[in-house]
Protein backbone atom coordinates (compact mmCIF):
# COMPACT_ATOMS: atom_id res chain seq x y z
CA MET A 1 -23.50 58.38 -56.73
CA SER A 2 -24.55 59.64 -53.49
CA THR A 3 -27.86 59.39 -52.10
CA MET A 4 -27.54 63.04 -50.92
CA THR A 5 -28.60 64.80 -54.02
CA LYS A 6 -30.84 67.49 -54.13
CA ALA A 7 -32.04 67.65 -57.55
CA ILE A 8 -35.81 68.21 -57.40
CA LEU A 9 -35.13 70.76 -54.56
CA THR A 10 -33.10 72.89 -56.40
CA SER A 11 -34.11 72.28 -60.25
CA GLY A 12 -37.97 71.02 -60.08
CA TYR A 13 -39.06 72.81 -56.86
CA PRO A 14 -38.42 76.52 -57.86
CA ASN A 15 -40.24 76.18 -61.11
CA VAL A 16 -43.48 74.28 -58.84
CA GLU A 17 -43.47 77.21 -56.15
CA SER A 18 -43.46 80.16 -58.60
CA ASN A 19 -45.89 78.91 -60.37
CA ILE A 20 -48.52 77.67 -57.72
CA LYS A 21 -48.22 81.06 -56.18
CA LYS A 22 -49.19 82.56 -59.71
CA ASN A 23 -51.89 79.85 -59.97
CA LYS A 24 -53.31 79.27 -56.92
CA ASN A 25 -56.77 79.75 -57.74
CA LYS A 26 -56.69 77.53 -60.64
CA TYR A 27 -54.73 74.69 -59.41
CA ILE A 28 -57.59 74.86 -56.63
CA LYS A 29 -60.44 74.86 -59.53
CA TYR A 30 -58.43 72.05 -60.92
CA VAL A 31 -58.84 70.37 -57.38
CA SER A 32 -62.11 70.82 -56.61
CA GLU A 33 -63.35 70.15 -60.40
CA PHE A 34 -61.66 66.74 -59.76
CA ILE A 35 -63.29 66.10 -56.29
CA ASN A 36 -66.61 66.82 -57.61
CA SER A 37 -66.82 64.51 -61.14
CA ARG A 38 -65.97 61.69 -58.51
CA ALA A 39 -67.89 62.56 -55.67
CA VAL A 40 -70.29 59.75 -55.42
CA ASP A 41 -67.34 57.10 -55.17
CA LEU A 42 -65.14 59.62 -53.39
CA HIS A 43 -67.59 59.85 -50.26
CA ALA A 44 -68.91 56.46 -50.60
CA SER A 45 -69.01 54.52 -47.49
CA ALA A 46 -66.32 51.53 -48.77
CA PRO A 47 -63.97 51.19 -51.72
CA TYR A 48 -66.80 49.73 -54.10
CA ARG A 49 -65.01 51.22 -57.30
CA GLN A 50 -61.87 51.91 -58.84
CA ILE A 51 -61.44 55.58 -58.69
CA TYR A 52 -59.65 56.58 -62.40
CA PHE A 53 -56.67 59.17 -62.78
CA SER A 54 -56.09 59.38 -66.50
CA GLU A 55 -53.79 61.09 -68.54
CA GLU A 56 -55.80 64.01 -69.06
CA ASP A 57 -56.02 64.70 -65.43
CA VAL A 58 -52.07 64.78 -65.55
CA THR A 59 -52.47 67.45 -69.06
CA LYS A 60 -55.17 69.25 -66.80
CA LEU A 61 -53.08 69.62 -63.78
CA TYR A 62 -50.09 71.10 -66.03
CA GLN A 63 -52.20 73.51 -67.54
CA ALA A 64 -54.19 74.81 -64.60
CA THR A 65 -50.58 75.85 -62.80
CA ASP A 66 -48.25 76.27 -65.70
CA ILE A 67 -45.95 74.27 -64.16
CA ASN A 68 -42.88 73.21 -66.52
CA GLN A 69 -43.40 69.47 -67.32
CA SER A 70 -40.09 69.25 -68.76
CA ILE A 71 -38.25 70.78 -65.80
CA ILE A 72 -39.76 68.37 -63.53
CA MET A 73 -39.11 65.44 -65.58
CA ASP A 74 -35.16 66.30 -65.74
CA SER A 75 -34.81 67.35 -62.25
CA ILE A 76 -35.74 63.55 -61.89
CA GLN A 77 -33.37 62.49 -64.15
CA HIS A 78 -30.43 64.32 -62.21
CA THR A 79 -30.96 62.40 -58.98
CA TYR A 80 -29.29 59.59 -57.54
CA TYR A 81 -31.82 57.19 -58.39
CA TRP A 82 -32.87 57.93 -61.76
CA ASN A 83 -30.30 55.51 -63.72
CA ILE A 84 -31.00 52.44 -61.13
CA ALA A 85 -33.42 50.09 -63.47
CA ASN A 86 -34.81 48.92 -60.96
CA PHE A 87 -35.46 51.40 -58.29
CA ASN A 88 -38.28 51.41 -55.69
CA PRO A 89 -40.53 52.92 -55.09
CA ARG A 90 -40.59 53.05 -59.30
CA TYR A 91 -43.24 55.86 -59.10
CA ALA A 92 -40.85 58.21 -57.54
CA LYS A 93 -39.39 58.51 -61.42
CA ASP A 94 -43.12 59.81 -62.30
CA ASP A 95 -43.05 63.52 -63.18
CA CYS A 96 -46.49 63.97 -61.65
CA THR A 97 -46.02 62.35 -58.75
CA ILE A 98 -43.01 64.33 -57.84
CA THR A 99 -45.03 67.75 -59.11
CA LEU A 100 -47.76 67.10 -56.89
CA MET A 101 -44.97 66.31 -53.84
CA CYS A 102 -43.48 69.59 -54.56
CA ILE A 103 -47.00 71.80 -54.42
CA VAL A 104 -47.65 69.69 -50.95
CA ARG A 105 -44.49 71.14 -49.89
CA TYR A 106 -45.50 74.54 -50.70
CA PHE A 107 -48.43 75.20 -48.82
CA PHE A 108 -46.91 72.89 -46.30
CA LEU A 109 -44.26 75.92 -46.15
CA ASN A 110 -46.59 78.46 -46.45
CA ASN A 111 -49.06 77.18 -43.53
CA MET A 112 -51.73 77.34 -46.10
CA LYS A 113 -53.95 74.50 -44.50
CA LYS A 114 -57.31 74.56 -46.60
CA GLU A 115 -55.12 74.51 -49.67
CA LEU A 116 -52.93 71.70 -48.50
CA ASP A 117 -55.53 69.52 -47.53
CA LEU A 118 -56.50 69.65 -51.01
CA ALA A 119 -53.33 68.83 -52.28
CA LEU A 120 -52.71 65.99 -49.82
CA ILE A 121 -56.47 64.41 -51.69
CA ASN A 122 -54.70 65.41 -55.07
CA LEU A 123 -51.42 63.28 -54.54
CA SER A 124 -53.05 60.43 -52.75
CA PHE A 125 -56.11 60.10 -55.19
CA SER A 126 -53.30 60.88 -58.08
CA GLY A 127 -52.37 57.64 -60.97
CA LYS A 128 -49.62 56.23 -58.96
CA PHE A 129 -51.62 55.94 -55.14
CA TYR A 130 -55.36 55.07 -54.57
CA PRO A 131 -56.44 53.95 -58.34
CA SER A 132 -53.00 51.60 -58.45
CA ILE A 133 -53.46 50.08 -55.12
CA TRP A 134 -56.91 49.77 -55.72
CA TYR A 135 -56.70 47.87 -59.07
CA ARG A 136 -53.79 45.69 -57.27
CA SER A 137 -55.86 44.85 -54.14
CA PHE A 138 -58.76 43.38 -55.71
CA PRO A 139 -57.18 41.74 -58.62
CA LYS A 140 -59.84 38.50 -58.15
CA VAL A 141 -63.08 39.56 -58.91
CA ALA A 142 -64.68 43.51 -58.64
CA PRO A 143 -66.19 44.15 -55.33
CA LYS A 144 -69.72 43.91 -55.52
CA ASP A 145 -71.64 46.62 -53.58
CA TYR A 146 -73.88 44.27 -51.50
CA ILE A 147 -70.91 41.84 -50.33
CA MET A 148 -69.08 45.02 -49.57
CA ASP A 149 -71.77 46.68 -47.89
CA TYR A 150 -71.89 42.77 -45.48
CA VAL A 151 -68.05 43.65 -45.36
CA ILE A 152 -68.69 46.82 -43.88
CA SER A 153 -71.33 46.64 -41.65
CA ASN A 154 -70.73 42.89 -39.99
CA LYS A 155 -66.96 42.03 -40.39
CA LEU A 156 -65.24 45.28 -40.02
CA SER A 157 -64.75 46.62 -35.86
CA ASN A 158 -64.14 50.29 -35.18
CA LYS A 159 -60.74 49.94 -35.72
CA TYR A 160 -60.70 50.04 -39.29
CA ASP A 161 -60.19 53.84 -40.28
CA ILE A 162 -63.48 53.18 -42.89
CA VAL A 163 -65.77 52.21 -40.05
CA LYS A 164 -65.14 55.25 -38.00
CA THR A 165 -65.11 58.16 -41.12
CA GLY A 166 -67.45 56.72 -42.78
CA SER A 167 -66.15 57.58 -46.43
CA VAL A 168 -63.49 56.63 -48.36
CA TYR A 169 -62.46 60.71 -48.53
CA LEU A 170 -62.17 61.36 -45.26
CA THR A 171 -60.06 57.77 -44.46
CA VAL A 172 -57.62 58.73 -47.39
CA GLN A 173 -57.73 62.48 -46.13
CA ASN A 174 -56.77 61.51 -42.24
CA ILE A 175 -54.44 58.69 -43.65
CA ALA A 176 -52.40 61.82 -45.46
CA ARG A 177 -52.44 64.10 -43.14
CA THR A 178 -50.97 61.74 -40.50
CA TRP A 179 -48.39 60.60 -42.99
CA LEU A 180 -47.65 64.56 -43.26
CA ASP A 181 -47.52 65.19 -39.87
CA SER A 182 -44.99 62.29 -39.38
CA TYR A 183 -42.49 63.35 -42.12
CA LYS A 184 -42.62 67.13 -41.54
CA ASP A 185 -38.44 67.31 -41.25
CA ARG A 186 -37.85 65.68 -44.12
CA PHE A 187 -40.37 67.97 -46.02
CA LYS A 188 -38.40 71.18 -44.99
CA LYS A 189 -34.99 69.10 -45.97
CA PHE A 190 -36.26 67.60 -49.04
CA THR A 191 -33.35 65.74 -50.52
CA ASP A 192 -34.21 63.26 -53.25
CA GLU A 193 -33.93 60.50 -50.70
CA ASP A 194 -35.98 62.22 -48.42
CA VAL A 195 -38.93 62.76 -51.61
CA THR A 196 -38.59 58.85 -52.37
CA TYR A 197 -38.84 57.76 -49.05
CA MET A 198 -41.46 59.90 -48.45
CA VAL A 199 -43.36 58.25 -51.39
CA GLN A 200 -43.22 54.94 -50.36
CA GLN A 201 -44.75 55.68 -47.10
CA LEU A 202 -47.62 57.24 -48.22
CA HIS A 203 -47.83 54.55 -50.92
CA ASN A 204 -47.41 51.70 -48.14
CA ARG A 205 -49.93 53.55 -45.68
CA ILE A 206 -52.73 53.71 -48.46
CA GLY A 207 -51.83 50.03 -49.48
CA SER A 208 -52.51 49.08 -45.85
CA PHE A 209 -55.81 50.58 -45.39
CA MET A 210 -56.95 48.91 -48.84
CA ASN A 211 -55.10 45.42 -48.15
CA ASN A 212 -57.02 45.48 -44.68
CA ILE A 213 -60.33 45.80 -46.44
CA ALA A 214 -59.54 43.46 -49.49
CA SER A 215 -58.08 40.64 -47.50
CA VAL A 216 -62.02 40.66 -45.49
CA TYR A 217 -63.77 40.97 -48.72
CA TYR A 218 -62.36 38.13 -50.33
CA GLU A 219 -62.49 36.12 -47.14
CA ALA A 220 -66.65 37.01 -46.89
CA TYR A 221 -66.49 36.62 -51.10
CA ASP A 222 -65.00 32.96 -50.77
CA ASN A 223 -66.84 31.64 -47.78
CA LYS A 224 -70.11 32.99 -49.21
CA GLU A 225 -71.37 34.84 -46.11
CA TYR A 226 -73.42 37.21 -47.32
CA ILE A 227 -76.14 34.11 -49.05
CA THR A 228 -78.94 33.61 -47.09
CA TYR A 229 -81.49 32.04 -47.87
CA ASP A 230 -85.38 32.77 -48.59
CA SER A 231 -87.75 31.30 -45.83
CA ASP A 232 -90.33 29.96 -47.94
CA SER A 233 -87.81 28.06 -50.12
CA VAL A 234 -84.31 26.22 -49.98
CA SER A 235 -84.15 24.56 -53.34
CA ASP A 236 -81.22 25.56 -55.24
CA ASP A 237 -83.25 27.50 -57.96
CA ASP A 238 -84.71 29.63 -55.00
CA TYR A 239 -82.00 30.91 -52.88
CA HIS A 240 -81.21 34.92 -53.17
CA MET A 241 -78.96 37.30 -51.61
CA ALA A 242 -79.68 38.72 -48.29
CA ALA A 243 -82.33 41.27 -48.20
CA SER A 244 -82.11 41.46 -44.49
CA ASP A 245 -82.70 44.28 -42.72
CA SER A 246 -79.26 44.72 -42.35
CA PHE A 247 -78.82 45.16 -46.03
CA LYS A 248 -82.01 47.10 -46.70
CA MET A 249 -80.76 50.16 -44.36
CA ASN A 250 -77.10 50.01 -45.53
CA GLN A 251 -78.57 50.41 -49.42
CA ILE A 252 -80.72 52.95 -48.19
CA VAL A 253 -78.03 54.78 -46.38
CA GLN A 254 -75.62 54.54 -49.52
CA ASN A 255 -78.50 55.67 -52.06
CA THR A 256 -78.92 58.54 -49.75
CA LEU A 257 -75.50 59.78 -49.50
CA ASN A 258 -74.92 59.02 -53.44
CA TYR A 259 -77.87 61.28 -53.82
CA ILE A 260 -76.47 63.93 -51.87
CA ASN A 261 -73.32 64.06 -53.44
CA THR A 262 -74.79 63.87 -56.79
CA HIS A 263 -77.57 66.63 -56.18
CA ASN A 264 -77.74 70.74 -55.70
CA VAL A 265 -79.75 71.02 -52.27
CA ASP A 266 -83.31 69.38 -52.85
CA GLN A 267 -85.48 72.87 -53.81
CA ILE A 268 -89.04 70.64 -53.07
CA ALA A 269 -87.62 68.94 -49.88
CA CYS A 270 -86.82 72.48 -48.46
CA LYS A 271 -90.11 74.08 -49.48
CA ARG A 272 -91.91 71.21 -47.59
CA ALA A 273 -89.28 71.08 -44.43
CA CYS A 274 -89.21 75.29 -44.07
CA ASN A 275 -91.80 76.87 -41.07
CA GLU A 276 -92.39 79.98 -39.87
CA ASN A 277 -89.17 80.26 -38.05
CA VAL A 278 -86.57 78.83 -41.01
CA LYS A 279 -87.59 80.16 -44.16
CA ILE A 280 -87.04 78.46 -47.21
CA ASP A 281 -83.75 80.58 -48.40
CA GLU A 282 -82.52 80.07 -44.84
CA LEU A 283 -82.98 76.56 -44.81
CA LYS A 284 -81.15 76.11 -48.51
CA SER A 285 -78.37 77.83 -46.87
CA ILE A 286 -77.62 75.77 -44.03
CA ILE A 287 -78.18 72.46 -46.56
CA GLN A 288 -75.55 73.92 -48.94
CA ASN A 289 -73.21 75.04 -45.96
CA ILE A 290 -73.84 71.19 -44.90
CA ASN A 291 -73.21 69.55 -48.43
CA ASN A 292 -70.54 71.61 -49.46
CA ASN A 293 -67.89 70.42 -46.38
CA PRO A 294 -66.92 66.73 -46.76
CA GLU A 295 -65.98 66.93 -42.63
CA ASN A 296 -69.66 67.17 -42.46
CA MET A 297 -70.61 63.61 -44.06
CA PRO A 298 -69.56 61.46 -41.21
CA LEU A 299 -72.07 63.19 -39.01
CA VAL A 300 -74.74 63.05 -41.79
CA LYS A 301 -74.02 59.62 -42.43
CA GLU A 302 -74.97 58.79 -38.65
CA PHE A 303 -77.74 60.84 -38.66
CA ILE A 304 -79.39 59.37 -41.94
CA GLU A 305 -78.72 55.84 -40.39
CA LEU A 306 -79.88 56.39 -36.63
CA MET A 307 -83.48 57.35 -38.57
CA VAL A 308 -83.45 54.68 -41.13
CA VAL A 309 -82.86 52.39 -37.95
CA THR A 310 -85.08 53.96 -35.51
CA TYR A 311 -87.79 53.30 -38.31
CA PHE A 312 -87.31 50.02 -38.99
CA ASN A 313 -87.31 49.21 -35.26
CA GLN A 314 -90.72 50.14 -35.22
CA SER A 315 -92.38 49.23 -38.85
CA GLU A 316 -93.71 46.12 -40.06
CA LYS A 317 -93.33 47.69 -43.80
CA LYS A 318 -89.84 49.02 -43.18
CA ASP A 319 -90.33 51.00 -46.63
CA VAL A 320 -88.99 54.40 -46.67
CA ARG A 321 -91.00 54.74 -49.74
CA ASN A 322 -94.10 55.20 -47.48
CA ILE A 323 -95.61 57.96 -46.42
CA GLU A 324 -95.42 56.01 -43.13
CA PHE A 325 -91.79 57.02 -42.94
CA ILE A 326 -92.15 60.65 -43.18
CA SER A 327 -94.94 60.67 -40.90
CA PHE A 328 -92.56 58.69 -38.23
CA CYS A 329 -89.34 60.81 -38.48
CA VAL A 330 -91.72 64.15 -38.19
CA LYS A 331 -93.83 62.55 -35.55
CA PRO A 332 -92.09 64.89 -31.97
CA LYS A 333 -90.96 62.11 -29.81
CA PRO A 334 -90.67 64.16 -26.46
CA ASN A 335 -88.81 62.94 -23.31
CA THR A 336 -88.03 59.77 -25.07
CA LYS A 337 -85.10 57.41 -23.68
CA ASP A 338 -84.18 56.04 -27.36
CA LYS A 339 -80.38 55.97 -27.28
CA TYR A 340 -80.87 56.51 -30.74
CA ILE A 341 -83.02 59.55 -31.13
CA ILE A 342 -81.32 61.28 -28.36
CA ARG A 343 -78.02 60.69 -30.49
CA GLN A 344 -80.04 62.21 -33.68
CA LYS A 345 -80.89 65.35 -31.57
CA GLU A 346 -77.46 65.78 -30.07
CA ILE A 347 -76.33 65.62 -33.96
CA LEU A 348 -78.96 68.04 -35.32
CA ASN A 349 -77.52 70.76 -32.51
CA GLN A 350 -73.83 69.90 -33.75
CA ILE A 351 -74.58 70.23 -37.52
CA LEU A 352 -76.70 73.71 -36.92
CA LEU A 353 -74.05 74.92 -34.55
CA ASN A 354 -71.68 74.40 -37.36
CA ASN A 355 -73.07 75.48 -40.26
CA SER A 356 -75.87 78.11 -39.51
CA GLU A 357 -74.98 81.76 -37.40
CA HIS A 358 -78.64 82.21 -37.10
CA PHE A 359 -79.28 78.75 -35.17
CA ALA A 360 -76.83 79.82 -32.47
CA ARG A 361 -77.87 83.27 -32.30
CA ARG A 362 -81.72 82.08 -31.94
CA ARG A 363 -81.81 78.86 -30.46
CA SER A 364 -81.99 80.09 -26.56
CA ARG A 365 -85.75 79.95 -27.18
CA VAL A 366 -86.91 76.31 -27.05
CA ALA A 367 -90.02 76.66 -29.45
CA THR A 368 -87.15 77.95 -32.29
CA GLU A 369 -84.54 75.43 -31.67
CA MET A 370 -87.46 72.76 -32.28
CA ALA A 371 -88.31 74.50 -35.63
CA TYR A 372 -84.90 74.19 -36.61
CA TYR A 373 -84.29 70.86 -35.67
CA ARG A 374 -88.06 69.62 -37.60
CA ALA A 375 -86.87 71.88 -40.62
CA ILE A 376 -83.56 69.48 -41.02
CA ASN A 377 -85.08 66.13 -39.99
CA VAL A 378 -87.89 66.82 -42.67
CA TYR A 379 -85.57 67.61 -44.99
CA PHE A 380 -83.39 64.34 -44.91
CA ALA A 381 -86.85 62.38 -44.49
CA LEU A 382 -87.31 63.75 -47.71
CA VAL A 383 -84.33 63.39 -49.31
CA ILE A 384 -83.96 59.40 -47.99
CA GLN A 385 -87.21 59.07 -49.50
CA SER A 386 -86.44 60.52 -53.12
CA ALA A 387 -83.19 58.79 -53.16
CA ASN A 388 -84.67 55.44 -52.76
CA SER A 389 -87.68 55.76 -55.12
């Protein structure tokens, strides 16, 4: 049979198109719930754990969209590759994968960018992609957090996407966006051969990202690079995993990001952080805007890292649970030449401009601008403390 069949386009896609058009909001809700239920692992700074996509998730997809699973399966069975026993990629015979490819195409052709981003995440984290790739990339032993933290902080350069973006979610999102940009013409033609080729390419790209991290992880694991010894004892009984400043800071940052991703706006922190220029309801609204947009997370992560680094640099206790940490964070630092503190102010300004219309209008007065900076600064200092208590 010729490879120029168009069974998916002519038979499967029309069913997807008509149903996703009618059930778009239900589909968006389905993907949002999927993301929210896995927020900790999706927004983690490294692929610590497998992110599962179960048969229940497949069922929920078809229930939310009313897409006819049998029609999709029938269209696949009429492709040129269906009767090829060892066809590769074999996941091109998976109805969920093909359904999600069709959904991506629908949003792409209709220039629905926000919906397209969610569909790309849905596809990338569906069963035949990230979950199975993660499982194959870490066959020897599941990653341990403290070793992965060491790898991210000490062995990966900025050429690694995970270092640049700061989260699994944003890294995979960038991979999927680049993949789509590379194959726009194929999405328009959408022959069966185009579909299988694009499925393979997305799998390869996510696989490269994961394998690159896994190879460095196992290098550190096999060479025991992450182990240090207590300065007071070097006996076999007393060695312990490194609790260096670097490890402590990484753990504090990760704990804080996990806390942010699994909690609503901290009401108590808002109450303590607000001031006469930034009332509690306004501060809650700003924080909610920040937390609800995943694209804010790299800046939030960098800001938290800088808060912790600047505190560690001048503290003997190095304990964010201590009142000393809060006092240091809220203490004014005018005319500083510390590059970390200067960068914190840049981030505060960018975050506020992106997430507060009131700030953009009122920032001309220096005192008002400083009040906003202080409110956000105090809020995140309190959240860091809560997340690590």
